[in-house]
């Protein structure tokens, strides 16, 4: 496989993970405003996108004192994966 194509794939995956990370942050912040209608509308859009990933971590980390710590672990795992992909990406020395 061509190095440029491989680099494009890794950069695209890294960008996707970064965008997904932002969506998770927004989802977490919106959970603090559950009573507001605008927050409910945004969460109804984001929940189907982010909850499948967050539910993986919720299955083995229960909420403690009403605080969902599984989201923190999910964010760390996503950042770790993004860094691994970024480090594996072939570096182009093109002119």
PDB file of N, CA and C in Angstrom:
ATOM      1  N   UNK A   1       0.844  -1.181   0.000  1.00  0.00           N
ATOM      2  CA  UNK A   1       0.000   0.000   0.000  1.00  0.00           C
ATOM      3  C   UNK A   1       0.884   1.237   0.000  1.00  0.00           C
ATOM      4  N   UNK A   2       0.468   2.204  -0.721  1.00  0.00           N
ATOM      5  CA  UNK A   2       1.217   3.436  -0.855  1.00  0.00           C
ATOM      6  C   UNK A   2       1.284   4.169   0.485  1.00  0.00           C
ATOM      7  N   UNK A   3       2.429   4.776   0.772  1.00  0.00           N
ATOM      8  CA  UNK A   3       2.628   5.485   2.034  1.00  0.00           C
ATOM      9  C   UNK A   3       1.667   6.656   2.184  1.00  0.00           C
ATOM     10  N   UNK A   4       1.386   7.354   1.098  1.00  0.00           N
ATOM     11  CA  UNK A   4       0.467   8.496   1.160  1.00  0.00           C
ATOM     12  C   UNK A   4      -0.941   8.045   1.514  1.00  0.00           C
ATOM     13  N   UNK A   5      -1.367   6.925   0.971  1.00  0.00           N
ATOM     14  CA  UNK A   5      -2.702   6.396   1.276  1.00  0.00           C
ATOM     15  C   UNK A   5      -2.760   5.935   2.728  1.00  0.00           C
ATOM     16  N   UNK A   6      -1.730   5.251   3.168  1.00  0.00           N
ATOM     17  CA  UNK A   6      -1.671   4.804   4.558  1.00  0.00           C
ATOM     18  C   UNK A   6      -1.693   5.988   5.506  1.00  0.00           C
ATOM     19  N   UNK A   7      -0.952   7.023   5.191  1.00  0.00           N
ATOM     20  CA  UNK A   7      -0.923   8.210   6.034  1.00  0.00           C
ATOM     21  C   UNK A   7      -2.295   8.874   6.062  1.00  0.00           C
ATOM     22  N   UNK A   8      -2.970   8.925   4.934  1.00  0.00           N
ATOM     23  CA  UNK A   8      -4.303   9.513   4.863  1.00  0.00           C
ATOM     24  C   UNK A   8      -5.294   8.728   5.719  1.00  0.00           C
ATOM     25  N   UNK A   9      -5.191   7.405   5.684  1.00  0.00           N
ATOM     26  CA  UNK A   9      -6.074   6.558   6.494  1.00  0.00           C
ATOM     27  C   UNK A   9      -5.843   6.817   7.982  1.00  0.00           C
ATOM     28  N   UNK A  10      -4.583   6.852   8.404  1.00  0.00           N
ATOM     29  CA  UNK A  10      -4.280   7.095   9.808  1.00  0.00           C
ATOM     30  C   UNK A  10      -4.723   8.492  10.237  1.00  0.00           C
ATOM     31  N   UNK A  11      -4.515   9.486   9.400  1.00  0.00           N
ATOM     32  CA  UNK A  11      -4.931  10.853   9.736  1.00  0.00           C
ATOM     33  C   UNK A  11      -6.450  10.961   9.820  1.00  0.00           C
ATOM     34  N   UNK A  12      -7.146  10.264   8.926  1.00  0.00           N
ATOM     35  CA  UNK A  12      -8.603  10.282   8.949  1.00  0.00           C
ATOM     36  C   UNK A  12      -9.135   9.610  10.209  1.00  0.00           C
ATOM     37  N   UNK A  13      -8.569   8.465  10.563  1.00  0.00           N
ATOM     38  CA  UNK A  13      -8.993   7.781  11.783  1.00  0.00           C
ATOM     39  C   UNK A  13      -8.704   8.619  13.023  1.00  0.00           C
ATOM     40  N   UNK A  14      -7.554   9.258  13.062  1.00  0.00           N
ATOM     41  CA  UNK A  14      -7.207  10.118  14.193  1.00  0.00           C
ATOM     42  C   UNK A  14      -8.160  11.302  14.281  1.00  0.00           C
ATOM     43  N   UNK A  15      -8.494  11.900  13.146  1.00  0.00           N
ATOM     44  CA  UNK A  15      -9.442  13.026  13.139  1.00  0.00           C
ATOM     45  C   UNK A  15     -10.823  12.563  13.595  1.00  0.00           C
ATOM     46  N   UNK A  16     -11.254  11.384  13.150  1.00  0.00           N
ATOM     47  CA  UNK A  16     -12.541  10.850  13.579  1.00  0.00           C
ATOM     48  C   UNK A  16     -12.569  10.652  15.082  1.00  0.00           C
ATOM     49  N   UNK A  17     -11.502  10.082  15.637  1.00  0.00           N
ATOM     50  CA  UNK A  17     -11.448   9.861  17.083  1.00  0.00           C
ATOM     51  C   UNK A  17     -11.475  11.178  17.843  1.00  0.00           C
ATOM     52  N   UNK A  18     -10.808  12.190  17.328  1.00  0.00           N
ATOM     53  CA  UNK A  18     -10.821  13.502  17.987  1.00  0.00           C
ATOM     54  C   UNK A  18     -12.209  14.139  17.936  1.00  0.00           C
ATOM     55  N   UNK A  19     -12.893  14.015  16.820  1.00  0.00           N
ATOM     56  CA  UNK A  19     -14.257  14.542  16.717  1.00  0.00           C
ATOM     57  C   UNK A  19     -15.187  13.780  17.655  1.00  0.00           C
ATOM     58  N   UNK A  20     -15.035  12.477  17.707  1.00  0.00           N
ATOM     59  CA  UNK A  20     -15.862  11.654  18.597  1.00  0.00           C
ATOM     60  C   UNK A  20     -15.599  12.018  20.057  1.00  0.00           C
ATOM     61  N   UNK A  21     -14.364  12.324  20.376  1.00  0.00           N
ATOM     62  CA  UNK A  21     -14.011  12.750  21.729  1.00  0.00           C
ATOM     63  C   UNK A  21     -14.724  14.052  22.089  1.00  0.00           C
ATOM     64  N   UNK A  22     -14.781  14.985  21.164  1.00  0.00           N
ATOM     65  CA  UNK A  22     -15.491  16.246  21.401  1.00  0.00           C
ATOM     66  C   UNK A  22     -16.983  15.973  21.613  1.00  0.00           C
ATOM     67  N   UNK A  23     -17.565  15.070  20.829  1.00  0.00           N
ATOM     68  CA  UNK A  23     -18.973  14.730  20.995  1.00  0.00           C
ATOM     69  C   UNK A  23     -19.242  14.127  22.374  1.00  0.00           C
ATOM     70  N   UNK A  24     -18.314  13.309  22.852  1.00  0.00           N
ATOM     71  CA  UNK A  24     -18.474  12.731  24.190  1.00  0.00           C
ATOM     72  C   UNK A  24     -18.392  13.819  25.250  1.00  0.00           C
ATOM     73  N   UNK A  25     -17.455  14.754  25.114  1.00  0.00           N
ATOM     74  CA  UNK A  25     -17.359  15.866  26.060  1.00  0.00           C
ATOM     75  C   UNK A  25     -18.654  16.682  26.073  1.00  0.00           C
ATOM     76  N   UNK A  26     -19.190  16.980  24.899  1.00  0.00           N
ATOM     77  CA  UNK A  26     -20.435  17.748  24.828  1.00  0.00           C
ATOM     78  C   UNK A  26     -21.564  16.970  25.484  1.00  0.00           C
ATOM     79  N   UNK A  27     -21.619  15.673  25.229  1.00  0.00           N
ATOM     80  CA  UNK A  27     -22.659  14.815  25.830  1.00  0.00           C
ATOM     81  C   UNK A  27     -22.569  14.837  27.344  1.00  0.00           C
ATOM     82  N   UNK A  28     -21.366  14.775  27.877  1.00  0.00           N
ATOM     83  CA  UNK A  28     -21.175  14.785  29.332  1.00  0.00           C
ATOM     84  C   UNK A  28     -21.586  16.138  29.906  1.00  0.00           C
ATOM     85  N   UNK A  29     -21.179  17.208  29.269  1.00  0.00           N
ATOM     86  CA  UNK A  29     -21.542  18.537  29.758  1.00  0.00           C
ATOM     87  C   UNK A  29     -23.050  18.771  29.700  1.00  0.00           C
ATOM     88  N   UNK A  30     -23.694  18.291  28.660  1.00  0.00           N
ATOM     89  CA  UNK A  30     -25.137  18.462  28.543  1.00  0.00           C
ATOM     90  C   UNK A  30     -25.906  17.667  29.593  1.00  0.00           C
ATOM     91  N   UNK A  31     -25.308  16.602  30.095  1.00  0.00           N
ATOM     92  CA  UNK A  31     -25.992  15.809  31.121  1.00  0.00           C
ATOM     93  C   UNK A  31     -26.172  16.607  32.411  1.00  0.00           C
ATOM     94  N   UNK A  32     -25.440  17.678  32.588  1.00  0.00           N
ATOM     95  CA  UNK A  32     -25.594  18.533  33.771  1.00  0.00           C
ATOM     96  C   UNK A  32     -26.829  19.414  33.663  1.00  0.00           C
ATOM     97  N   UNK A  33     -27.379  19.585  32.458  1.00  0.00           N
ATOM     98  CA  UNK A  33     -28.522  20.468  32.224  1.00  0.00           C
ATOM     99  C   UNK A  33     -29.727  19.670  31.730  1.00  0.00           C
ATOM    100  N   UNK A  34     -30.027  18.587  32.393  1.00  0.00           N
ATOM    101  CA  UNK A  34     -31.086  17.701  31.917  1.00  0.00           C
ATOM    102  C   UNK A  34     -32.465  18.354  31.931  1.00  0.00           C
ATOM    103  N   UNK A  35     -32.678  19.364  32.759  1.00  0.00           N
ATOM    104  CA  UNK A  35     -33.980  20.014  32.837  1.00  0.00           C
ATOM    105  C   UNK A  35     -34.248  20.984  31.701  1.00  0.00           C
ATOM    106  N   UNK A  36     -33.211  21.463  31.052  1.00  0.00           N
ATOM    107  CA  UNK A  36     -33.382  22.439  29.979  1.00  0.00           C
ATOM    108  C   UNK A  36     -33.799  21.742  28.685  1.00  0.00           C
ATOM    109  N   UNK A  37     -34.763  22.328  28.000  1.00  0.00           N
ATOM    110  CA  UNK A  37     -35.261  21.712  26.767  1.00  0.00           C
ATOM    111  C   UNK A  37     -34.195  21.693  25.671  1.00  0.00           C
ATOM    112  N   UNK A  38     -33.396  22.767  25.572  1.00  0.00           N
ATOM    113  CA  UNK A  38     -32.352  22.811  24.545  1.00  0.00           C
ATOM    114  C   UNK A  38     -31.308  21.724  24.789  1.00  0.00           C
ATOM    115  N   UNK A  39     -31.018  21.433  26.068  1.00  0.00           N
ATOM    116  CA  UNK A  39     -30.056  20.372  26.383  1.00  0.00           C
ATOM    117  C   UNK A  39     -30.658  19.008  26.060  1.00  0.00           C
ATOM    118  N   UNK A  40     -31.943  18.863  26.332  1.00  0.00           N
ATOM    119  CA  UNK A  40     -32.613  17.595  26.024  1.00  0.00           C
ATOM    120  C   UNK A  40     -32.596  17.329  24.524  1.00  0.00           C
ATOM    121  N   UNK A  41     -32.856  18.369  23.737  1.00  0.00           N
ATOM    122  CA  UNK A  41     -32.846  18.201  22.276  1.00  0.00           C
ATOM    123  C   UNK A  41     -31.463  17.805  21.773  1.00  0.00           C
ATOM    124  N   UNK A  42     -30.434  18.433  22.299  1.00  0.00           N
ATOM    125  CA  UNK A  42     -29.070  18.101  21.881  1.00  0.00           C
ATOM    126  C   UNK A  42     -28.690  16.698  22.343  1.00  0.00           C
ATOM    127  N   UNK A  43     -29.092  16.339  23.577  1.00  0.00           N
ATOM    128  CA  UNK A  43     -28.759  14.999  24.082  1.00  0.00           C
ATOM    129  C   UNK A  43     -29.503  13.918  23.317  1.00  0.00           C
ATOM    130  N   UNK A  44     -30.724  14.210  22.876  1.00  0.00           N
ATOM    131  CA  UNK A  44     -31.457  13.202  22.105  1.00  0.00           C
ATOM    132  C   UNK A  44     -30.773  12.935  20.762  1.00  0.00           C
ATOM    133  N   UNK A  45     -30.021  13.910  20.272  1.00  0.00           N
ATOM    134  CA  UNK A  45     -29.231  13.712  19.059  1.00  0.00           C
ATOM    135  C   UNK A  45     -27.924  12.977  19.360  1.00  0.00           C
ATOM    136  N   UNK A  46     -27.247  13.355  20.464  1.00  0.00           N
ATOM    137  CA  UNK A  46     -25.928  12.797  20.766  1.00  0.00           C
ATOM    138  C   UNK A  46     -25.972  11.421  21.428  1.00  0.00           C
ATOM    139  N   UNK A  47     -27.013  11.134  22.188  1.00  0.00           N
ATOM    140  CA  UNK A  47     -27.070   9.867  22.922  1.00  0.00           C
ATOM    141  C   UNK A  47     -26.928   8.634  22.036  1.00  0.00           C
ATOM    142  N   UNK A  48     -27.657   8.546  20.921  1.00  0.00           N
ATOM    143  CA  UNK A  48     -27.478   7.345  20.087  1.00  0.00           C
ATOM    144  C   UNK A  48     -26.077   7.225  19.484  1.00  0.00           C
ATOM    145  N   UNK A  49     -25.374   8.335  19.384  1.00  0.00           N
ATOM    146  CA  UNK A  49     -24.034   8.321  18.803  1.00  0.00           C
ATOM    147  C   UNK A  49     -22.981   7.935  19.846  1.00  0.00           C
ATOM    148  N   UNK A  50     -23.121   8.470  21.068  1.00  0.00           N
ATOM    149  CA  UNK A  50     -22.076   8.285  22.073  1.00  0.00           C
ATOM    150  C   UNK A  50     -22.365   7.164  23.073  1.00  0.00           C
ATOM    151  N   UNK A  51     -23.633   6.880  23.335  1.00  0.00           N
ATOM    152  CA  UNK A  51     -23.952   5.895  24.369  1.00  0.00           C
ATOM    153  C   UNK A  51     -23.468   4.476  24.087  1.00  0.00           C
ATOM    154  N   UNK A  52     -23.470   3.995  22.835  1.00  0.00           N
ATOM    155  CA  UNK A  52     -22.927   2.638  22.637  1.00  0.00           C
ATOM    156  C   UNK A  52     -21.473   2.502  23.109  1.00  0.00           C
ATOM    157  N   UNK A  53     -20.659   3.517  22.850  1.00  0.00           N
ATOM    158  CA  UNK A  53     -19.268   3.469  23.323  1.00  0.00           C
ATOM    159  C   UNK A  53     -19.201   3.623  24.836  1.00  0.00           C
ATOM    160  N   UNK A  54     -19.953   4.572  25.397  1.00  0.00           N
ATOM    161  CA  UNK A  54     -19.925   4.788  26.839  1.00  0.00           C
ATOM    162  C   UNK A  54     -20.490   3.592  27.602  1.00  0.00           C
ATOM    163  N   UNK A  55     -21.461   2.889  27.031  1.00  0.00           N
ATOM    164  CA  UNK A  55     -22.056   1.728  27.701  1.00  0.00           C
ATOM    165  C   UNK A  55     -21.060   0.586  27.882  1.00  0.00           C
ATOM    166  N   UNK A  56     -20.058   0.530  27.040  1.00  0.00           N
ATOM    167  CA  UNK A  56     -19.006  -0.487  27.211  1.00  0.00           C
ATOM    168  C   UNK A  56     -18.342  -0.304  28.576  1.00  0.00           C
ATOM    169  N   UNK A  57     -18.056   0.928  28.934  1.00  0.00           N
ATOM    170  CA  UNK A  57     -17.376   1.206  30.195  1.00  0.00           C
ATOM    171  C   UNK A  57     -18.351   1.224  31.368  1.00  0.00           C
ATOM    172  N   UNK A  58     -19.600   1.587  31.112  1.00  0.00           N
ATOM    173  CA  UNK A  58     -20.611   1.576  32.176  1.00  0.00           C
ATOM    174  C   UNK A  58     -20.928   0.163  32.626  1.00  0.00           C
ATOM    175  N   UNK A  59     -20.689  -0.830  31.772  1.00  0.00           N
ATOM    176  CA  UNK A  59     -21.021  -2.209  32.123  1.00  0.00           C
ATOM    177  C   UNK A  59     -20.131  -2.749  33.237  1.00  0.00           C
ATOM    178  N   UNK A  60     -18.923  -2.210  33.390  1.00  0.00           N
ATOM    179  CA  UNK A  60     -18.063  -2.703  34.462  1.00  0.00           C
ATOM    180  C   UNK A  60     -17.628  -1.629  35.455  1.00  0.00           C
ATOM    181  N   UNK A  61     -18.084  -0.383  35.284  1.00  0.00           N
ATOM    182  CA  UNK A  61     -17.822   0.672  36.263  1.00  0.00           C
ATOM    183  C   UNK A  61     -19.162   1.312  36.623  1.00  0.00           C
ATOM    184  N   UNK A  62     -19.757   0.900  37.739  1.00  0.00           N
ATOM    185  CA  UNK A  62     -21.054   1.474  38.107  1.00  0.00           C
ATOM    186  C   UNK A  62     -20.892   2.908  38.616  1.00  0.00           C
ATOM    187  N   UNK A  63     -21.959   3.712  38.512  1.00  0.00           N
ATOM    188  CA  UNK A  63     -21.903   5.077  39.055  1.00  0.00           C
ATOM    189  C   UNK A  63     -21.704   5.046  40.576  1.00  0.00           C
ATOM    190  N   UNK A  64     -20.858   5.905  41.069  1.00  0.00           N
ATOM    191  CA  UNK A  64     -20.597   5.995  42.501  1.00  0.00           C
ATOM    192  C   UNK A  64     -21.104   7.333  43.015  1.00  0.00           C
ATOM    193  N   UNK A  65     -22.067   7.296  43.905  1.00  0.00           N
ATOM    194  CA  UNK A  65     -22.615   8.526  44.456  1.00  0.00           C
ATOM    195  C   UNK A  65     -23.303   9.390  43.420  1.00  0.00           C
ATOM    196  N   UNK A  66     -23.871   8.773  42.395  1.00  0.00           N
ATOM    197  CA  UNK A  66     -24.553   9.519  41.352  1.00  0.00           C
ATOM    198  C   UNK A  66     -23.631  10.092  40.285  1.00  0.00           C
ATOM    199  N   UNK A  67     -22.339   9.831  40.386  1.00  0.00           N
ATOM    200  CA  UNK A  67     -21.371  10.333  39.408  1.00  0.00           C
ATOM    201  C   UNK A  67     -20.907   9.173  38.539  1.00  0.00           C
ATOM    202  N   UNK A  68     -20.957   9.377  37.237  1.00  0.00           N
ATOM    203  CA  UNK A  68     -20.581   8.340  36.281  1.00  0.00           C
ATOM    204  C   UNK A  68     -19.096   8.481  35.937  1.00  0.00           C
ATOM    205  N   UNK A  69     -18.266   7.691  36.611  1.00  0.00           N
ATOM    206  CA  UNK A  69     -16.824   7.733  36.372  1.00  0.00           C
ATOM    207  C   UNK A  69     -16.414   6.938  35.131  1.00  0.00           C
ATOM    208  N   UNK A  70     -17.328   6.158  34.583  1.00  0.00           N
ATOM    209  CA  UNK A  70     -16.993   5.372  33.398  1.00  0.00           C
ATOM    210  C   UNK A  70     -16.676   6.281  32.212  1.00  0.00           C
ATOM    211  N   UNK A  71     -17.266   7.467  32.173  1.00  0.00           N
ATOM    212  CA  UNK A  71     -16.996   8.395  31.073  1.00  0.00           C
ATOM    213  C   UNK A  71     -15.543   8.850  31.081  1.00  0.00           C
ATOM    214  N   UNK A  72     -14.975   9.004  32.256  1.00  0.00           N
ATOM    215  CA  UNK A  72     -13.567   9.409  32.352  1.00  0.00           C
ATOM    216  C   UNK A  72     -12.670   8.331  31.750  1.00  0.00           C
ATOM    217  N   UNK A  73     -12.940   7.079  32.111  1.00  0.00           N
ATOM    218  CA  UNK A  73     -12.156   5.973  31.561  1.00  0.00           C
ATOM    219  C   UNK A  73     -12.364   5.862  30.047  1.00  0.00           C
ATOM    220  N   UNK A  74     -13.581   6.096  29.588  1.00  0.00           N
ATOM    221  CA  UNK A  74     -13.862   6.045  28.147  1.00  0.00           C
ATOM    222  C   UNK A  74     -13.081   7.116  27.401  1.00  0.00           C
ATOM    223  N   UNK A  75     -12.984   8.310  27.983  1.00  0.00           N
ATOM    224  CA  UNK A  75     -12.233   9.395  27.364  1.00  0.00           C
ATOM    225  C   UNK A  75     -10.745   9.063  27.332  1.00  0.00           C
ATOM    226  N   UNK A  76     -10.208   8.549  28.435  1.00  0.00           N
ATOM    227  CA  UNK A  76      -8.794   8.172  28.463  1.00  0.00           C
ATOM    228  C   UNK A  76      -8.495   7.091  27.423  1.00  0.00           C
ATOM    229  N   UNK A  77      -9.380   6.117  27.291  1.00  0.00           N
ATOM    230  CA  UNK A  77      -9.167   5.042  26.317  1.00  0.00           C
ATOM    231  C   UNK A  77      -9.182   5.594  24.889  1.00  0.00           C
ATOM    232  N   UNK A  78     -10.086   6.508  24.618  1.00  0.00           N
ATOM    233  CA  UNK A  78     -10.160   7.110  23.288  1.00  0.00           C
ATOM    234  C   UNK A  78      -8.926   7.956  22.982  1.00  0.00           C
ATOM    235  N   UNK A  79      -8.455   8.712  23.965  1.00  0.00           N
ATOM    236  CA  UNK A  79      -7.239   9.505  23.772  1.00  0.00           C
ATOM    237  C   UNK A  79      -6.032   8.601  23.558  1.00  0.00           C
ATOM    238  N   UNK A  80      -5.962   7.513  24.308  1.00  0.00           N
ATOM    239  CA  UNK A  80      -4.864   6.560  24.172  1.00  0.00           C
ATOM    240  C   UNK A  80      -4.851   5.959  22.765  1.00  0.00           C
ATOM    241  N   UNK A  81      -6.026   5.572  22.280  1.00  0.00           N
ATOM    242  CA  UNK A  81      -6.127   5.004  20.938  1.00  0.00           C
ATOM    243  C   UNK A  81      -5.739   6.025  19.876  1.00  0.00           C
ATOM    244  N   UNK A  82      -6.168   7.271  20.043  1.00  0.00           N
ATOM    245  CA  UNK A  82      -5.812   8.324  19.081  1.00  0.00           C
ATOM    246  C   UNK A  82      -4.308   8.563  19.064  1.00  0.00           C
ATOM    247  N   UNK A  83      -3.680   8.523  20.219  1.00  0.00           N
ATOM    248  CA  UNK A  83      -2.217   8.711  20.267  1.00  0.00           C
ATOM    249  C   UNK A  83      -1.478   7.549  19.625  1.00  0.00           C
ATOM    250  N   UNK A  84      -1.977   6.344  19.828  1.00  0.00           N
ATOM    251  CA  UNK A  84      -1.349   5.177  19.196  1.00  0.00           C
ATOM    252  C   UNK A  84      -1.458   5.294  17.678  1.00  0.00           C
ATOM    253  N   UNK A  85      -2.641   5.656  17.186  1.00  0.00           N
ATOM    254  CA  UNK A  85      -2.801   5.814  15.737  1.00  0.00           C
ATOM    255  C   UNK A  85      -1.900   6.918  15.197  1.00  0.00           C
ATOM    256  N   UNK A  86      -1.803   8.019  15.924  1.00  0.00           N
ATOM    257  CA  UNK A  86      -0.948   9.123  15.470  1.00  0.00           C
ATOM    258  C   UNK A  86       0.517   8.714  15.447  1.00  0.00           C
ATOM    259  N   UNK A  87       0.934   7.901  16.415  1.00  0.00           N
ATOM    260  CA  UNK A  87       2.334   7.483  16.452  1.00  0.00           C
ATOM    261  C   UNK A  87       2.647   6.423  15.401  1.00  0.00           C
ATOM    262  N   UNK A  88       1.652   5.649  14.996  1.00  0.00           N
ATOM    263  CA  UNK A  88       1.861   4.622  13.975  1.00  0.00           C
ATOM    264  C   UNK A  88       1.796   5.169  12.558  1.00  0.00           C
ATOM    265  N   UNK A  89       1.280   6.366  12.409  1.00  0.00           N
ATOM    266  CA  UNK A  89       1.129   6.967  11.096  1.00  0.00           C
ATOM    267  C   UNK A  89       2.488   7.185  10.459  1.00  0.00           C
ATOM    268  N   UNK A  90       2.631   6.728   9.219  1.00  0.00           N
ATOM    269  CA  UNK A  90       3.916   6.968   8.544  1.00  0.00           C
ATOM    270  C   UNK A  90       4.092   8.467   8.277  1.00  0.00           C
ATOM    271  N   UNK A  91       5.302   8.936   8.500  1.00  0.00           N
ATOM    272  CA  UNK A  91       5.587  10.354   8.324  1.00  0.00           C
ATOM    273  C   UNK A  91       6.038  10.587   6.892  1.00  0.00           C
ATOM    274  N   UNK A  92       5.396  11.549   6.265  1.00  0.00           N
ATOM    275  CA  UNK A  92       5.738  11.874   4.888  1.00  0.00           C
ATOM    276  C   UNK A  92       6.841  12.932   4.865  1.00  0.00           C
ATOM    277  N   UNK A  93       7.839  12.709   4.034  1.00  0.00           N
ATOM    278  CA  UNK A  93       8.918  13.691   3.885  1.00  0.00           C
ATOM    279  C   UNK A  93       8.826  14.353   2.520  1.00  0.00           C
ATOM    280  N   UNK A  94       7.621  14.356   1.970  1.00  0.00           N
ATOM    281  CA  UNK A  94       7.417  14.894   0.616  1.00  0.00           C
ATOM    282  C   UNK A  94       7.744  16.368   0.492  1.00  0.00           C
ATOM    283  N   UNK A  95       8.061  16.757  -0.706  1.00  0.00           N
ATOM    284  CA  UNK A  95       8.402  18.159  -0.983  1.00  0.00           C
ATOM    285  C   UNK A  95       7.300  18.801  -1.757  1.00  0.00           C
TER     286      UNK A  95
END
